[in-house]
Structure formats: structure tokens, C-alpha cells
PDB file of N, CA and C in Angstrom:
ATOM      1  N   UNK A   1     -30.999   0.529  65.502  1.00  0.00           N
ATOM      2  CA  UNK A   1     -32.317   1.104  65.355  1.00  0.00           C
ATOM      3  C   UNK A   1     -32.623   1.289  63.865  1.00  0.00           C
ATOM      4  N   UNK A   2     -33.716   0.731  63.431  1.00  0.00           N
ATOM      5  CA  UNK A   2     -34.092   0.806  62.028  1.00  0.00           C
ATOM      6  C   UNK A   2     -34.880   2.072  61.723  1.00  0.00           C
ATOM      7  N   UNK A   3     -34.622   2.614  60.553  1.00  0.00           N
ATOM      8  CA  UNK A   3     -35.408   3.753  60.077  1.00  0.00           C
ATOM      9  C   UNK A   3     -36.763   3.249  59.632  1.00  0.00           C
ATOM     10  N   UNK A   4     -37.753   4.076  59.780  1.00  0.00           N
ATOM     11  CA  UNK A   4     -39.102   3.699  59.370  1.00  0.00           C
ATOM     12  C   UNK A   4     -39.330   3.949  57.875  1.00  0.00           C
ATOM     13  N   UNK A   5     -38.917   5.121  57.395  1.00  0.00           N
ATOM     14  CA  UNK A   5     -39.177   5.485  56.003  1.00  0.00           C
ATOM     15  C   UNK A   5     -37.881   5.491  55.198  1.00  0.00           C
ATOM     16  N   UNK A   6     -38.013   5.098  53.951  1.00  0.00           N
ATOM     17  CA  UNK A   6     -36.869   5.130  53.050  1.00  0.00           C
ATOM     18  C   UNK A   6     -36.525   6.588  52.738  1.00  0.00           C
ATOM     19  N   UNK A   7     -35.277   6.993  52.969  1.00  0.00           N
ATOM     20  CA  UNK A   7     -34.891   8.358  52.606  1.00  0.00           C
ATOM     21  C   UNK A   7     -34.775   8.484  51.087  1.00  0.00           C
ATOM     22  N   UNK A   8     -34.918   9.672  50.601  1.00  0.00           N
ATOM     23  CA  UNK A   8     -34.785   9.912  49.162  1.00  0.00           C
ATOM     24  C   UNK A   8     -33.345   9.713  48.730  1.00  0.00           C
ATOM     25  N   UNK A   9     -33.188   9.095  47.589  1.00  0.00           N
ATOM     26  CA  UNK A   9     -31.866   8.996  46.969  1.00  0.00           C
ATOM     27  C   UNK A   9     -31.514  10.401  46.479  1.00  0.00           C
ATOM     28  N   UNK A  10     -30.272  10.833  46.642  1.00  0.00           N
ATOM     29  CA  UNK A  10     -29.919  12.185  46.187  1.00  0.00           C
ATOM     30  C   UNK A  10     -30.143  12.384  44.686  1.00  0.00           C
ATOM     31  N   UNK A  11     -30.086  11.302  43.923  1.00  0.00           N
ATOM     32  CA  UNK A  11     -30.355  11.398  42.491  1.00  0.00           C
ATOM     33  C   UNK A  11     -31.791  11.817  42.209  1.00  0.00           C
ATOM     34  N   UNK A  12     -32.727  11.353  43.037  1.00  0.00           N
ATOM     35  CA  UNK A  12     -34.129  11.739  42.867  1.00  0.00           C
ATOM     36  C   UNK A  12     -34.294  13.231  43.131  1.00  0.00           C
ATOM     37  N   UNK A  13     -33.595  13.726  44.122  1.00  0.00           N
ATOM     38  CA  UNK A  13     -33.660  15.157  44.441  1.00  0.00           C
ATOM     39  C   UNK A  13     -33.013  15.968  43.322  1.00  0.00           C
ATOM     40  N   UNK A  14     -31.893  15.483  42.828  1.00  0.00           N
ATOM     41  CA  UNK A  14     -31.239  16.143  41.697  1.00  0.00           C
ATOM     42  C   UNK A  14     -32.185  16.187  40.497  1.00  0.00           C
ATOM     43  N   UNK A  15     -32.798  15.074  40.194  1.00  0.00           N
ATOM     44  CA  UNK A  15     -33.690  14.975  39.033  1.00  0.00           C
ATOM     45  C   UNK A  15     -34.936  15.856  39.179  1.00  0.00           C
ATOM     46  N   UNK A  16     -35.605  15.731  40.334  1.00  0.00           N
ATOM     47  CA  UNK A  16     -36.891  16.400  40.521  1.00  0.00           C
ATOM     48  C   UNK A  16     -36.777  17.860  40.954  1.00  0.00           C
ATOM     49  N   UNK A  17     -35.838  18.146  41.841  1.00  0.00           N
ATOM     50  CA  UNK A  17     -35.773  19.482  42.436  1.00  0.00           C
ATOM     51  C   UNK A  17     -34.733  20.405  41.800  1.00  0.00           C
ATOM     52  N   UNK A  18     -33.804  19.840  41.063  1.00  0.00           N
ATOM     53  CA  UNK A  18     -32.794  20.691  40.432  1.00  0.00           C
ATOM     54  C   UNK A  18     -32.995  20.715  38.917  1.00  0.00           C
ATOM     55  N   UNK A  19     -32.853  19.565  38.284  1.00  0.00           N
ATOM     56  CA  UNK A  19     -32.930  19.543  36.826  1.00  0.00           C
ATOM     57  C   UNK A  19     -34.291  19.995  36.304  1.00  0.00           C
ATOM     58  N   UNK A  20     -35.364  19.460  36.871  1.00  0.00           N
ATOM     59  CA  UNK A  20     -36.702  19.864  36.402  1.00  0.00           C
ATOM     60  C   UNK A  20     -36.968  21.333  36.688  1.00  0.00           C
ATOM     61  N   UNK A  21     -36.609  21.786  37.894  1.00  0.00           N
ATOM     62  CA  UNK A  21     -36.864  23.184  38.257  1.00  0.00           C
ATOM     63  C   UNK A  21     -36.060  24.153  37.399  1.00  0.00           C
ATOM     64  N   UNK A  22     -34.871  23.744  36.975  1.00  0.00           N
ATOM     65  CA  UNK A  22     -34.035  24.603  36.141  1.00  0.00           C
ATOM     66  C   UNK A  22     -34.250  24.332  34.661  1.00  0.00           C
ATOM     67  N   UNK A  23     -35.186  23.435  34.380  1.00  0.00           N
ATOM     68  CA  UNK A  23     -35.511  23.075  32.993  1.00  0.00           C
ATOM     69  C   UNK A  23     -34.265  22.607  32.237  1.00  0.00           C
ATOM     70  N   UNK A  24     -33.497  21.726  32.888  1.00  0.00           N
ATOM     71  CA  UNK A  24     -32.273  21.198  32.298  1.00  0.00           C
ATOM     72  C   UNK A  24     -32.447  19.730  31.943  1.00  0.00           C
ATOM     73  N   UNK A  25     -31.928  19.356  30.803  1.00  0.00           N
ATOM     74  CA  UNK A  25     -31.844  17.942  30.459  1.00  0.00           C
ATOM     75  C   UNK A  25     -30.613  17.358  31.139  1.00  0.00           C
ATOM     76  N   UNK A  26     -30.569  16.064  31.217  1.00  0.00           N
ATOM     77  CA  UNK A  26     -29.378  15.410  31.767  1.00  0.00           C
ATOM     78  C   UNK A  26     -28.169  15.751  30.905  1.00  0.00           C
ATOM     79  N   UNK A  27     -28.371  15.782  29.602  1.00  0.00           N
ATOM     80  CA  UNK A  27     -27.270  16.102  28.679  1.00  0.00           C
ATOM     81  C   UNK A  27     -26.703  17.488  28.959  1.00  0.00           C
ATOM     82  N   UNK A  28     -27.575  18.491  29.071  1.00  0.00           N
ATOM     83  CA  UNK A  28     -27.112  19.860  29.322  1.00  0.00           C
ATOM     84  C   UNK A  28     -26.469  19.979  30.702  1.00  0.00           C
ATOM     85  N   UNK A  29     -27.080  19.358  31.707  1.00  0.00           N
ATOM     86  CA  UNK A  29     -26.511  19.409  33.058  1.00  0.00           C
ATOM     87  C   UNK A  29     -25.147  18.733  33.098  1.00  0.00           C
ATOM     88  N   UNK A  30     -24.997  17.636  32.365  1.00  0.00           N
ATOM     89  CA  UNK A  30     -23.702  16.954  32.305  1.00  0.00           C
ATOM     90  C   UNK A  30     -22.642  17.867  31.694  1.00  0.00           C
ATOM     91  N   UNK A  31     -23.019  18.615  30.673  1.00  0.00           N
ATOM     92  CA  UNK A  31     -22.100  19.587  30.076  1.00  0.00           C
ATOM     93  C   UNK A  31     -21.684  20.634  31.105  1.00  0.00           C
ATOM     94  N   UNK A  32     -22.660  21.158  31.834  1.00  0.00           N
ATOM     95  CA  UNK A  32     -22.383  22.182  32.845  1.00  0.00           C
ATOM     96  C   UNK A  32     -21.448  21.634  33.918  1.00  0.00           C
ATOM     97  N   UNK A  33     -21.697  20.395  34.346  1.00  0.00           N
ATOM     98  CA  UNK A  33     -20.903  19.765  35.400  1.00  0.00           C
ATOM     99  C   UNK A  33     -19.572  19.199  34.893  1.00  0.00           C
ATOM    100  N   UNK A  34     -19.425  19.149  33.579  1.00  0.00           N
ATOM    101  CA  UNK A  34     -18.241  18.593  32.929  1.00  0.00           C
ATOM    102  C   UNK A  34     -18.023  17.124  33.308  1.00  0.00           C
ATOM    103  N   UNK A  35     -19.116  16.371  33.211  1.00  0.00           N
ATOM    104  CA  UNK A  35     -19.081  14.917  33.409  1.00  0.00           C
ATOM    105  C   UNK A  35     -19.786  14.289  32.205  1.00  0.00           C
ATOM    106  N   UNK A  36     -19.653  12.978  32.082  1.00  0.00           N
ATOM    107  CA  UNK A  36     -20.335  12.313  30.976  1.00  0.00           C
ATOM    108  C   UNK A  36     -21.837  12.264  31.240  1.00  0.00           C
ATOM    109  N   UNK A  37     -22.592  12.213  30.156  1.00  0.00           N
ATOM    110  CA  UNK A  37     -24.039  12.094  30.276  1.00  0.00           C
ATOM    111  C   UNK A  37     -24.392  10.813  31.017  1.00  0.00           C
ATOM    112  N   UNK A  38     -23.666   9.744  30.715  1.00  0.00           N
ATOM    113  CA  UNK A  38     -23.918   8.451  31.364  1.00  0.00           C
ATOM    114  C   UNK A  38     -23.728   8.553  32.881  1.00  0.00           C
ATOM    115  N   UNK A  39     -22.648   9.192  33.302  1.00  0.00           N
ATOM    116  CA  UNK A  39     -22.369   9.328  34.728  1.00  0.00           C
ATOM    117  C   UNK A  39     -23.491  10.077  35.441  1.00  0.00           C
ATOM    118  N   UNK A  40     -23.919  11.196  34.866  1.00  0.00           N
ATOM    119  CA  UNK A  40     -24.976  11.981  35.501  1.00  0.00           C
ATOM    120  C   UNK A  40     -26.309  11.241  35.442  1.00  0.00           C
ATOM    121  N   UNK A  41     -26.575  10.567  34.343  1.00  0.00           N
ATOM    122  CA  UNK A  41     -27.808   9.807  34.207  1.00  0.00           C
ATOM    123  C   UNK A  41     -27.903   8.709  35.273  1.00  0.00           C
ATOM    124  N   UNK A  42     -26.800   8.043  35.540  1.00  0.00           N
ATOM    125  CA  UNK A  42     -26.796   6.987  36.557  1.00  0.00           C
ATOM    126  C   UNK A  42     -27.113   7.547  37.942  1.00  0.00           C
ATOM    127  N   UNK A  43     -26.623   8.731  38.246  1.00  0.00           N
ATOM    128  CA  UNK A  43     -26.947   9.366  39.529  1.00  0.00           C
ATOM    129  C   UNK A  43     -28.415   9.771  39.537  1.00  0.00           C
ATOM    130  N   UNK A  44     -28.841  10.471  38.499  1.00  0.00           N
ATOM    131  CA  UNK A  44     -30.222  10.978  38.439  1.00  0.00           C
ATOM    132  C   UNK A  44     -31.255   9.852  38.430  1.00  0.00           C
ATOM    133  N   UNK A  45     -30.876   8.692  37.907  1.00  0.00           N
ATOM    134  CA  UNK A  45     -31.789   7.548  37.863  1.00  0.00           C
ATOM    135  C   UNK A  45     -31.562   6.571  39.012  1.00  0.00           C
ATOM    136  N   UNK A  46     -30.803   7.029  40.022  1.00  0.00           N
ATOM    137  CA  UNK A  46     -30.606   6.287  41.270  1.00  0.00           C
ATOM    138  C   UNK A  46     -29.879   4.963  41.081  1.00  0.00           C
ATOM    139  N   UNK A  47     -29.043   4.892  40.052  1.00  0.00           N
ATOM    140  CA  UNK A  47     -28.227   3.704  39.804  1.00  0.00           C
ATOM    141  C   UNK A  47     -26.841   3.854  40.414  1.00  0.00           C
ATOM    142  N   UNK A  48     -26.447   5.100  40.692  1.00  0.00           N
ATOM    143  CA  UNK A  48     -25.138   5.394  41.283  1.00  0.00           C
ATOM    144  C   UNK A  48     -25.329   6.467  42.346  1.00  0.00           C
ATOM    145  N   UNK A  49     -24.390   6.496  43.273  1.00  0.00           N
ATOM    146  CA  UNK A  49     -24.449   7.483  44.341  1.00  0.00           C
ATOM    147  C   UNK A  49     -23.736   8.768  43.970  1.00  0.00           C
ATOM    148  N   UNK A  50     -23.893   9.746  44.841  1.00  0.00           N
ATOM    149  CA  UNK A  50     -23.209  11.030  44.691  1.00  0.00           C
ATOM    150  C   UNK A  50     -21.871  10.934  45.417  1.00  0.00           C
ATOM    151  N   UNK A  51     -20.800  11.028  44.660  1.00  0.00           N
ATOM    152  CA  UNK A  51     -19.452  10.996  45.221  1.00  0.00           C
ATOM    153  C   UNK A  51     -19.094  12.383  45.759  1.00  0.00           C
ATOM    154  N   UNK A  52     -18.041  12.472  46.568  1.00  0.00           N
ATOM    155  CA  UNK A  52     -17.598  13.809  47.001  1.00  0.00           C
ATOM    156  C   UNK A  52     -17.271  14.729  45.821  1.00  0.00           C
ATOM    157  N   UNK A  53     -16.683  14.177  44.776  1.00  0.00           N
ATOM    158  CA  UNK A  53     -16.372  15.003  43.610  1.00  0.00           C
ATOM    159  C   UNK A  53     -17.645  15.511  42.935  1.00  0.00           C
ATOM    160  N   UNK A  54     -18.619  14.629  42.778  1.00  0.00           N
ATOM    161  CA  UNK A  54     -19.881  15.050  42.163  1.00  0.00           C
ATOM    162  C   UNK A  54     -20.578  16.080  43.048  1.00  0.00           C
ATOM    163  N   UNK A  55     -20.541  15.871  44.356  1.00  0.00           N
ATOM    164  CA  UNK A  55     -21.159  16.827  45.282  1.00  0.00           C
ATOM    165  C   UNK A  55     -20.535  18.208  45.123  1.00  0.00           C
ATOM    166  N   UNK A  56     -19.223  18.239  44.969  1.00  0.00           N
ATOM    167  CA  UNK A  56     -18.535  19.519  44.800  1.00  0.00           C
ATOM    168  C   UNK A  56     -18.910  20.164  43.470  1.00  0.00           C
ATOM    169  N   UNK A  57     -19.001  19.361  42.420  1.00  0.00           N
ATOM    170  CA  UNK A  57     -19.418  19.890  41.123  1.00  0.00           C
ATOM    171  C   UNK A  57     -20.833  20.477  41.209  1.00  0.00           C
ATOM    172  N   UNK A  58     -21.719  19.770  41.904  1.00  0.00           N
ATOM    173  CA  UNK A  58     -23.095  20.256  42.062  1.00  0.00           C
ATOM    174  C   UNK A  58     -23.139  21.575  42.824  1.00  0.00           C
ATOM    175  N   UNK A  59     -22.288  21.686  43.848  1.00  0.00           N
ATOM    176  CA  UNK A  59     -22.240  22.953  44.588  1.00  0.00           C
ATOM    177  C   UNK A  59     -21.752  24.086  43.699  1.00  0.00           C
ATOM    178  N   UNK A  60     -20.680  23.832  42.981  1.00  0.00           N
ATOM    179  CA  UNK A  60     -20.128  24.883  42.126  1.00  0.00           C
ATOM    180  C   UNK A  60     -21.113  25.307  41.044  1.00  0.00           C
ATOM    181  N   UNK A  61     -21.784  24.351  40.431  1.00  0.00           N
ATOM    182  CA  UNK A  61     -22.661  24.654  39.302  1.00  0.00           C
ATOM    183  C   UNK A  61     -24.027  25.175  39.717  1.00  0.00           C
ATOM    184  N   UNK A  62     -24.598  24.618  40.798  1.00  0.00           N
ATOM    185  CA  UNK A  62     -25.984  24.941  41.126  1.00  0.00           C
ATOM    186  C   UNK A  62     -26.171  25.599  42.488  1.00  0.00           C
ATOM    187  N   UNK A  63     -25.073  25.772  43.233  1.00  0.00           N
ATOM    188  CA  UNK A  63     -25.150  26.497  44.493  1.00  0.00           C
ATOM    189  C   UNK A  63     -25.752  25.723  45.654  1.00  0.00           C
ATOM    190  N   UNK A  64     -25.895  24.412  45.517  1.00  0.00           N
ATOM    191  CA  UNK A  64     -26.429  23.582  46.609  1.00  0.00           C
ATOM    192  C   UNK A  64     -25.239  22.921  47.280  1.00  0.00           C
ATOM    193  N   UNK A  65     -25.076  23.185  48.553  1.00  0.00           N
ATOM    194  CA  UNK A  65     -23.867  22.779  49.272  1.00  0.00           C
ATOM    195  C   UNK A  65     -23.525  21.305  49.100  1.00  0.00           C
ATOM    196  N   UNK A  66     -22.245  21.064  48.875  1.00  0.00           N
ATOM    197  CA  UNK A  66     -21.744  19.698  48.705  1.00  0.00           C
ATOM    198  C   UNK A  66     -22.085  18.835  49.915  1.00  0.00           C
ATOM    199  N   UNK A  67     -22.004  19.413  51.099  1.00  0.00           N
ATOM    200  CA  UNK A  67     -22.271  18.638  52.311  1.00  0.00           C
ATOM    201  C   UNK A  67     -23.700  18.107  52.329  1.00  0.00           C
ATOM    202  N   UNK A  68     -24.637  18.870  51.801  1.00  0.00           N
ATOM    203  CA  UNK A  68     -26.017  18.396  51.730  1.00  0.00           C
ATOM    204  C   UNK A  68     -26.107  17.133  50.875  1.00  0.00           C
ATOM    205  N   UNK A  69     -25.477  17.154  49.696  1.00  0.00           N
ATOM    206  CA  UNK A  69     -25.498  15.981  48.817  1.00  0.00           C
ATOM    207  C   UNK A  69     -24.864  14.779  49.504  1.00  0.00           C
ATOM    208  N   UNK A  70     -23.754  15.007  50.198  1.00  0.00           N
ATOM    209  CA  UNK A  70     -23.065  13.907  50.883  1.00  0.00           C
ATOM    210  C   UNK A  70     -23.894  13.382  52.049  1.00  0.00           C
ATOM    211  N   UNK A  71     -24.563  14.271  52.772  1.00  0.00           N
ATOM    212  CA  UNK A  71     -25.432  13.843  53.875  1.00  0.00           C
ATOM    213  C   UNK A  71     -26.605  13.019  53.348  1.00  0.00           C
ATOM    214  N   UNK A  72     -27.210  13.457  52.254  1.00  0.00           N
ATOM    215  CA  UNK A  72     -28.312  12.701  51.652  1.00  0.00           C
ATOM    216  C   UNK A  72     -27.847  11.316  51.230  1.00  0.00           C
ATOM    217  N   UNK A  73     -26.662  11.253  50.616  1.00  0.00           N
ATOM    218  CA  UNK A  73     -26.128   9.965  50.173  1.00  0.00           C
ATOM    219  C   UNK A  73     -25.837   9.063  51.358  1.00  0.00           C
ATOM    220  N   UNK A  74     -25.255   9.623  52.397  1.00  0.00           N
ATOM    221  CA  UNK A  74     -24.936   8.853  53.597  1.00  0.00           C
ATOM    222  C   UNK A  74     -26.196   8.287  54.255  1.00  0.00           C
ATOM    223  N   UNK A  75     -27.226   9.106  54.367  1.00  0.00           N
ATOM    224  CA  UNK A  75     -28.491   8.643  54.953  1.00  0.00           C
ATOM    225  C   UNK A  75     -29.095   7.519  54.126  1.00  0.00           C
ATOM    226  N   UNK A  76     -29.048   7.660  52.809  1.00  0.00           N
ATOM    227  CA  UNK A  76     -29.592   6.636  51.923  1.00  0.00           C
ATOM    228  C   UNK A  76     -28.793   5.334  52.044  1.00  0.00           C
ATOM    229  N   UNK A  77     -27.463   5.452  52.039  1.00  0.00           N
ATOM    230  CA  UNK A  77     -26.604   4.266  52.139  1.00  0.00           C
ATOM    231  C   UNK A  77     -26.810   3.542  53.467  1.00  0.00           C
ATOM    232  N   UNK A  78     -26.905   4.288  54.551  1.00  0.00           N
ATOM    233  CA  UNK A  78     -27.120   3.687  55.862  1.00  0.00           C
ATOM    234  C   UNK A  78     -28.464   2.968  55.910  1.00  0.00           C
ATOM    235  N   UNK A  79     -29.501   3.580  55.363  1.00  0.00           N
ATOM    236  CA  UNK A  79     -30.814   2.944  55.317  1.00  0.00           C
ATOM    237  C   UNK A  79     -30.748   1.619  54.554  1.00  0.00           C
ATOM    238  N   UNK A  80     -30.027   1.619  53.403  1.00  0.00           N
ATOM    239  CA  UNK A  80     -29.906   0.395  52.611  1.00  0.00           C
ATOM    240  C   UNK A  80     -29.246  -0.721  53.408  1.00  0.00           C
ATOM    241  N   UNK A  81     -28.209  -0.402  54.161  1.00  0.00           N
ATOM    242  CA  UNK A  81     -27.536  -1.413  54.979  1.00  0.00           C
ATOM    243  C   UNK A  81     -28.474  -1.933  56.062  1.00  0.00           C
ATOM    244  N   UNK A  82     -29.170  -1.030  56.717  1.00  0.00           N
ATOM    245  CA  UNK A  82     -30.093  -1.436  57.777  1.00  0.00           C
ATOM    246  C   UNK A  82     -31.196  -2.331  57.227  1.00  0.00           C
ATOM    247  N   UNK A  83     -31.714  -1.993  56.071  1.00  0.00           N
ATOM    248  CA  UNK A  83     -32.797  -2.759  55.468  1.00  0.00           C
ATOM    249  C   UNK A  83     -32.338  -4.100  54.917  1.00  0.00           C
ATOM    250  N   UNK A  84     -31.063  -4.209  54.573  1.00  0.00           N
ATOM    251  CA  UNK A  84     -30.559  -5.439  53.965  1.00  0.00           C
ATOM    252  C   UNK A  84     -30.584  -6.627  54.928  1.00  0.00           C
ATOM    253  N   UNK A  85     -30.506  -6.353  56.230  1.00  0.00           N
ATOM    254  CA  UNK A  85     -30.485  -7.424  57.213  1.00  0.00           C
ATOM    255  C   UNK A  85     -29.138  -8.124  57.333  1.00  0.00           C
ATOM    256  N   UNK A  86     -28.144  -7.690  56.570  1.00  0.00           N
ATOM    257  CA  UNK A  86     -26.833  -8.349  56.571  1.00  0.00           C
ATOM    258  C   UNK A  86     -26.131  -8.287  57.926  1.00  0.00           C
ATOM    259  N   UNK A  87     -26.439  -7.279  58.709  1.00  0.00           N
ATOM    260  CA  UNK A  87     -25.747  -7.139  59.995  1.00  0.00           C
ATOM    261  C   UNK A  87     -26.721  -7.180  61.176  1.00  0.00           C
ATOM    262  N   UNK A  88     -27.929  -7.664  60.918  1.00  0.00           N
ATOM    263  CA  UNK A  88     -28.968  -7.689  61.958  1.00  0.00           C
ATOM    264  C   UNK A  88     -28.595  -8.584  63.131  1.00  0.00           C
ATOM    265  N   UNK A  89     -27.720  -9.538  62.921  1.00  0.00           N
ATOM    266  CA  UNK A  89     -27.348 -10.484  63.972  1.00  0.00           C
ATOM    267  C   UNK A  89     -26.305  -9.927  64.949  1.00  0.00           C
ATOM    268  N   UNK A  90     -25.798  -8.750  64.692  1.00  0.00           N
ATOM    269  CA  UNK A  90     -24.769  -8.174  65.557  1.00  0.00           C
ATOM    270  C   UNK A  90     -25.441  -7.506  66.759  1.00  0.00           C
ATOM    271  N   UNK A  91     -24.983  -7.903  67.942  1.00  0.00           N
ATOM    272  CA  UNK A  91     -25.523  -7.349  69.184  1.00  0.00           C
ATOM    273  C   UNK A  91     -24.497  -6.405  69.802  1.00  0.00           C
ATOM    274  N   UNK A  92     -24.986  -5.473  70.600  1.00  0.00           N
ATOM    275  CA  UNK A  92     -24.099  -4.535  71.272  1.00  0.00           C
ATOM    276  C   UNK A  92     -23.172  -5.294  72.209  1.00  0.00           C
ATOM    277  N   UNK A  93     -21.895  -4.952  72.167  1.00  0.00           N
ATOM    278  CA  UNK A  93     -20.893  -5.554  73.035  1.00  0.00           C
ATOM    279  C   UNK A  93     -20.936  -4.877  74.387  1.00  0.00           C
ATOM    280  N   UNK A  94     -20.981  -5.669  75.437  1.00  0.00           N
ATOM    281  CA  UNK A  94     -20.959  -5.161  76.809  1.00  0.00           C
ATOM    282  C   UNK A  94     -19.740  -5.780  77.486  1.00  0.00           C
ATOM    283  N   UNK A  95     -18.730  -4.948  77.856  1.00  0.00           N
ATOM    284  CA  UNK A  95     -17.536  -5.488  78.500  1.00  0.00           C
ATOM    285  C   UNK A  95     -17.890  -6.280  79.753  1.00  0.00           C
ATOM    286  N   UNK A  96     -17.259  -7.420  79.910  1.00  0.00           N
ATOM    287  CA  UNK A  96     -17.472  -8.258  81.090  1.00  0.00           C
ATOM    288  C   UNK A  96     -18.622  -9.225  80.950  1.00  0.00           C
ATOM    289  N   UNK A  97     -19.439  -9.061  79.969  1.00  0.00           N
ATOM    290  CA  UNK A  97     -20.577  -9.951  79.751  1.00  0.00           C
ATOM    291  C   UNK A  97     -20.138 -11.099  78.848  1.00  0.00           C
ATOM    292  N   UNK A  98     -20.426 -12.323  79.279  1.00  0.00           N
ATOM    293  CA  UNK A  98     -20.063 -13.492  78.482  1.00  0.00           C
ATOM    294  C   UNK A  98     -20.870 -13.508  77.196  1.00  0.00           C
ATOM    295  N   UNK A  99     -20.233 -13.959  76.153  1.00  0.00           N
ATOM    296  CA  UNK A  99     -20.924 -13.992  74.868  1.00  0.00           C
ATOM    297  C   UNK A  99     -21.496 -15.327  74.613  1.00  0.00           C
TER     298      UNK A  99
END
């Protein structure tokens, strides 16, 4: 079953709802999270995903549960696979039915 709407990348939420709301630059947020500016920039600019480690850092620093970040990333990743069409040819297996 295909999703209708593209889910938000967690980096967009980090950029728009966390960094902007807290008036933080990527540089300052990277310092707080103890990661490189490049690493955080790639997430915030939707070039990289949120890893479990990054999710935990975000929870510790900003109080937003790690599981939320991981769920957002999972939803985004699943949507990308569905939209890619790479596995569209796979049909549900029914035992006893000839293929």
C-alpha cells in the first residue's frame, strides 16, 4: 500500500521546529550535541538521516524523545522505498498457489 503524501524528513523538523524555535544556528546546536557541524548540517538539510545515536543526543539536549526521531526517520525511509518502485513487482505470497 502506497502512502499518498510524502512524510517530513526529520531533518526538516529539526531545522524548522527545533533550531529556529530555539534560535540556534547549526554550529551552536552541533556544539551542544557534541557532533561536527557538517554532520548536523547534513541531517538538518535532509542529506542524512537521524541515527539512533543522533536521536539520543537530540533527546538529551532538547528533550524530544529519541523514539519520535527514529519513528519519523523510519516513516520517511519507508516512503522513499515505496516511491522508488524498486520492489513494486513483488506480490503477496499465498501458500499453495502456483506462481
